[in-house]
Amino acid sequence: MQLTIFGFGIAKDIIGGNTINIDLPETTSVAQLKDVLFEQYPDFKKLRSLAIAVNNEYAGDELLLRGQDDVVLIPPVSGG
């Protein structure tokens, strides 16, 4: 399946734009997606955390992804 993944904040900088397209096996979990991202974009390993939202909700590592899912990378945020 092919997923379009959206990045915000530093995640956008790491992937080099607003979106990336990644080809994944049909039964890919969020944890497996993170592994692919860490391999293809090693700078993600430097972040304290990287949350993934799927269809407007934070996703646990066990969630299985589908080709039509909206996937967003949410890096750690700071501010005041």
N, C-alpha and C. Protein backbone atom coordinates (compact mmCIF):
# COMPACT_ATOMS: atom_id res chain seq x y z
N MET A 1 0.85 -1.17 0.00
CA MET A 1 0.00 0.00 0.00
C MET A 1 0.89 1.23 0.00
N GLN A 2 0.36 2.28 -0.52
CA GLN A 2 1.09 3.54 -0.50
C GLN A 2 0.38 4.51 0.42
N LEU A 3 1.15 5.10 1.34
CA LEU A 3 0.60 6.08 2.27
C LEU A 3 1.21 7.44 1.98
N THR A 4 0.39 8.46 2.06
CA THR A 4 0.87 9.83 2.07
C THR A 4 0.93 10.25 3.53
N ILE A 5 2.10 10.71 3.93
CA ILE A 5 2.33 11.06 5.33
C ILE A 5 2.62 12.55 5.40
N PHE A 6 1.94 13.23 6.30
CA PHE A 6 2.08 14.67 6.47
C PHE A 6 3.00 14.95 7.65
N GLY A 7 3.85 15.96 7.52
CA GLY A 7 4.75 16.34 8.60
C GLY A 7 4.51 17.77 9.03
N PHE A 8 4.67 17.99 10.32
CA PHE A 8 4.55 19.33 10.89
C PHE A 8 5.80 19.65 11.71
N GLY A 9 6.08 20.94 11.86
CA GLY A 9 7.22 21.36 12.69
C GLY A 9 8.52 20.77 12.18
N ILE A 10 9.32 20.29 13.10
CA ILE A 10 10.63 19.72 12.75
C ILE A 10 10.48 18.47 11.89
N ALA A 11 9.36 17.76 12.02
CA ALA A 11 9.14 16.58 11.17
C ALA A 11 9.10 16.98 9.69
N LYS A 12 8.49 18.12 9.41
CA LYS A 12 8.44 18.64 8.04
C LYS A 12 9.85 18.94 7.53
N ASP A 13 10.68 19.50 8.40
CA ASP A 13 12.06 19.80 8.02
C ASP A 13 12.84 18.51 7.75
N ILE A 14 12.61 17.49 8.57
CA ILE A 14 13.34 16.23 8.42
C ILE A 14 12.97 15.53 7.12
N ILE A 15 11.69 15.52 6.77
CA ILE A 15 11.27 14.83 5.54
C ILE A 15 11.46 15.70 4.30
N GLY A 16 11.79 16.96 4.50
CA GLY A 16 12.08 17.84 3.38
C GLY A 16 10.87 18.39 2.66
N GLY A 17 9.76 18.51 3.36
CA GLY A 17 8.55 19.07 2.76
C GLY A 17 7.33 18.75 3.60
N ASN A 18 6.16 19.11 3.09
CA ASN A 18 4.92 18.88 3.83
C ASN A 18 4.50 17.42 3.85
N THR A 19 4.81 16.67 2.78
CA THR A 19 4.35 15.28 2.67
C THR A 19 5.43 14.39 2.07
N ILE A 20 5.30 13.11 2.37
CA ILE A 20 6.08 12.08 1.70
C ILE A 20 5.13 10.93 1.37
N ASN A 21 5.48 10.18 0.36
CA ASN A 21 4.75 8.96 0.02
C ASN A 21 5.66 7.78 0.30
N ILE A 22 5.13 6.80 1.02
CA ILE A 22 5.90 5.62 1.39
C ILE A 22 5.11 4.38 0.99
N ASP A 23 5.81 3.43 0.36
CA ASP A 23 5.21 2.13 0.05
C ASP A 23 5.48 1.18 1.21
N LEU A 24 4.42 0.56 1.70
CA LEU A 24 4.49 -0.34 2.84
C LEU A 24 3.68 -1.60 2.57
N PRO A 25 4.03 -2.71 3.23
CA PRO A 25 3.19 -3.90 3.12
C PRO A 25 1.79 -3.62 3.66
N GLU A 26 0.81 -4.39 3.21
CA GLU A 26 -0.59 -4.17 3.59
C GLU A 26 -0.85 -4.27 5.10
N THR A 27 -0.09 -5.05 5.81
CA THR A 27 -0.33 -5.23 7.25
C THR A 27 0.77 -4.54 8.05
N THR A 28 0.91 -3.25 7.86
CA THR A 28 1.93 -2.47 8.56
C THR A 28 1.32 -1.78 9.76
N SER A 29 1.99 -1.90 10.90
CA SER A 29 1.54 -1.22 12.12
C SER A 29 2.22 0.14 12.23
N VAL A 30 1.73 0.94 13.14
CA VAL A 30 2.36 2.23 13.41
C VAL A 30 3.80 2.03 13.87
N ALA A 31 4.05 1.02 14.69
CA ALA A 31 5.43 0.74 15.15
C ALA A 31 6.34 0.42 13.96
N GLN A 32 5.84 -0.35 13.01
CA GLN A 32 6.63 -0.68 11.83
C GLN A 32 6.85 0.55 10.96
N LEU A 33 5.85 1.42 10.87
CA LEU A 33 6.03 2.67 10.14
C LEU A 33 7.13 3.50 10.78
N LYS A 34 7.14 3.59 12.09
CA LYS A 34 8.20 4.33 12.79
C LYS A 34 9.56 3.75 12.46
N ASP A 35 9.68 2.43 12.44
CA ASP A 35 10.96 1.79 12.10
C ASP A 35 11.42 2.20 10.70
N VAL A 36 10.49 2.22 9.74
CA VAL A 36 10.82 2.63 8.37
C VAL A 36 11.26 4.09 8.35
N LEU A 37 10.54 4.93 9.07
CA LEU A 37 10.90 6.35 9.12
C LEU A 37 12.27 6.56 9.74
N PHE A 38 12.56 5.84 10.83
CA PHE A 38 13.87 5.97 11.49
C PHE A 38 14.99 5.50 10.57
N GLU A 39 14.72 4.50 9.74
CA GLU A 39 15.73 4.01 8.80
C GLU A 39 15.95 4.99 7.66
N GLN A 40 14.86 5.50 7.09
CA GLN A 40 14.97 6.40 5.94
C GLN A 40 15.34 7.82 6.33
N TYR A 41 14.98 8.23 7.55
CA TYR A 41 15.24 9.59 8.03
C TYR A 41 15.86 9.50 9.42
N PRO A 42 17.17 9.22 9.51
CA PRO A 42 17.81 9.00 10.81
C PRO A 42 17.68 10.16 11.79
N ASP A 43 17.42 11.37 11.31
CA ASP A 43 17.27 12.51 12.22
C ASP A 43 16.07 12.35 13.16
N PHE A 44 15.10 11.51 12.80
CA PHE A 44 13.97 11.26 13.70
C PHE A 44 14.45 10.61 15.00
N LYS A 45 15.55 9.88 14.96
CA LYS A 45 16.08 9.22 16.16
C LYS A 45 16.55 10.24 17.20
N LYS A 46 16.84 11.46 16.76
CA LYS A 46 17.33 12.50 17.67
C LYS A 46 16.20 13.16 18.47
N LEU A 47 14.95 12.96 18.05
CA LEU A 47 13.83 13.57 18.75
C LEU A 47 13.52 12.82 20.04
N ARG A 48 13.06 13.53 21.04
CA ARG A 48 12.65 12.90 22.30
C ARG A 48 11.45 11.99 22.10
N SER A 49 10.58 12.41 21.20
CA SER A 49 9.39 11.60 20.91
C SER A 49 8.91 11.93 19.51
N LEU A 50 8.14 11.02 18.97
CA LEU A 50 7.50 11.23 17.68
C LEU A 50 6.14 10.56 17.75
N ALA A 51 5.11 11.36 17.80
CA ALA A 51 3.75 10.81 17.84
C ALA A 51 3.23 10.68 16.41
N ILE A 52 2.36 9.72 16.23
CA ILE A 52 1.71 9.51 14.94
C ILE A 52 0.21 9.64 15.15
N ALA A 53 -0.42 10.44 14.33
CA ALA A 53 -1.89 10.53 14.35
C ALA A 53 -2.41 9.87 13.08
N VAL A 54 -3.46 9.09 13.23
CA VAL A 54 -4.10 8.43 12.10
C VAL A 54 -5.57 8.81 12.13
N ASN A 55 -6.01 9.40 11.04
CA ASN A 55 -7.41 9.85 10.92
C ASN A 55 -7.83 10.73 12.09
N ASN A 56 -6.99 11.71 12.40
CA ASN A 56 -7.25 12.74 13.41
C ASN A 56 -7.23 12.26 14.86
N GLU A 57 -6.63 11.09 15.12
CA GLU A 57 -6.51 10.61 16.49
C GLU A 57 -5.10 10.06 16.70
N TYR A 58 -4.55 10.32 17.90
CA TYR A 58 -3.26 9.73 18.21
C TYR A 58 -3.36 8.22 18.10
N ALA A 59 -2.33 7.60 17.50
CA ALA A 59 -2.37 6.17 17.25
C ALA A 59 -1.33 5.45 18.10
N GLY A 60 -1.74 4.33 18.67
CA GLY A 60 -0.82 3.46 19.38
C GLY A 60 0.01 2.66 18.40
N ASP A 61 1.14 2.14 18.88
CA ASP A 61 2.06 1.40 18.02
C ASP A 61 1.43 0.17 17.38
N GLU A 62 0.41 -0.39 18.01
CA GLU A 62 -0.19 -1.64 17.52
C GLU A 62 -1.21 -1.42 16.40
N LEU A 63 -1.64 -0.19 16.17
CA LEU A 63 -2.66 0.08 15.15
C LEU A 63 -2.16 -0.32 13.77
N LEU A 64 -2.97 -1.07 13.03
CA LEU A 64 -2.65 -1.43 11.65
C LEU A 64 -3.14 -0.34 10.71
N LEU A 65 -2.26 0.05 9.81
CA LEU A 65 -2.56 1.13 8.87
C LEU A 65 -3.26 0.59 7.63
N ARG A 66 -4.05 1.47 7.00
CA ARG A 66 -4.74 1.16 5.74
C ARG A 66 -4.37 2.23 4.72
N GLY A 67 -4.43 1.90 3.47
CA GLY A 67 -4.00 2.81 2.41
C GLY A 67 -4.72 4.14 2.38
N GLN A 68 -5.95 4.19 2.83
CA GLN A 68 -6.71 5.43 2.78
C GLN A 68 -6.57 6.28 4.06
N ASP A 69 -5.77 5.82 5.01
CA ASP A 69 -5.60 6.56 6.27
C ASP A 69 -4.89 7.89 6.06
N ASP A 70 -5.30 8.89 6.84
CA ASP A 70 -4.57 10.15 6.93
C ASP A 70 -3.56 9.99 8.06
N VAL A 71 -2.28 10.07 7.72
CA VAL A 71 -1.21 9.84 8.70
C VAL A 71 -0.42 11.13 8.86
N VAL A 72 -0.24 11.55 10.12
CA VAL A 72 0.46 12.80 10.42
C VAL A 72 1.56 12.52 11.44
N LEU A 73 2.74 13.08 11.17
CA LEU A 73 3.87 12.99 12.10
C LEU A 73 3.81 14.21 13.02
N ILE A 74 3.81 13.95 14.32
CA ILE A 74 3.72 15.03 15.30
C ILE A 74 4.96 15.00 16.18
N PRO A 75 5.90 15.91 15.94
CA PRO A 75 7.11 15.94 16.76
C PRO A 75 6.82 16.54 18.12
N PRO A 76 7.79 16.44 19.04
CA PRO A 76 7.59 17.09 20.34
C PRO A 76 7.42 18.60 20.15
N VAL A 77 6.63 19.19 20.99
CA VAL A 77 6.39 20.63 20.90
C VAL A 77 6.85 21.29 22.20
N SER A 78 7.21 22.55 22.06
CA SER A 78 7.58 23.32 23.24
C SER A 78 7.03 24.73 23.06
N GLY A 79 7.02 25.43 24.10
CA GLY A 79 6.52 26.80 24.01
C GLY A 79 6.01 27.26 25.35
N GLY A 80 5.46 28.39 25.36
CA GLY A 80 4.98 28.89 26.63
C GLY A 80 3.93 29.92 26.47
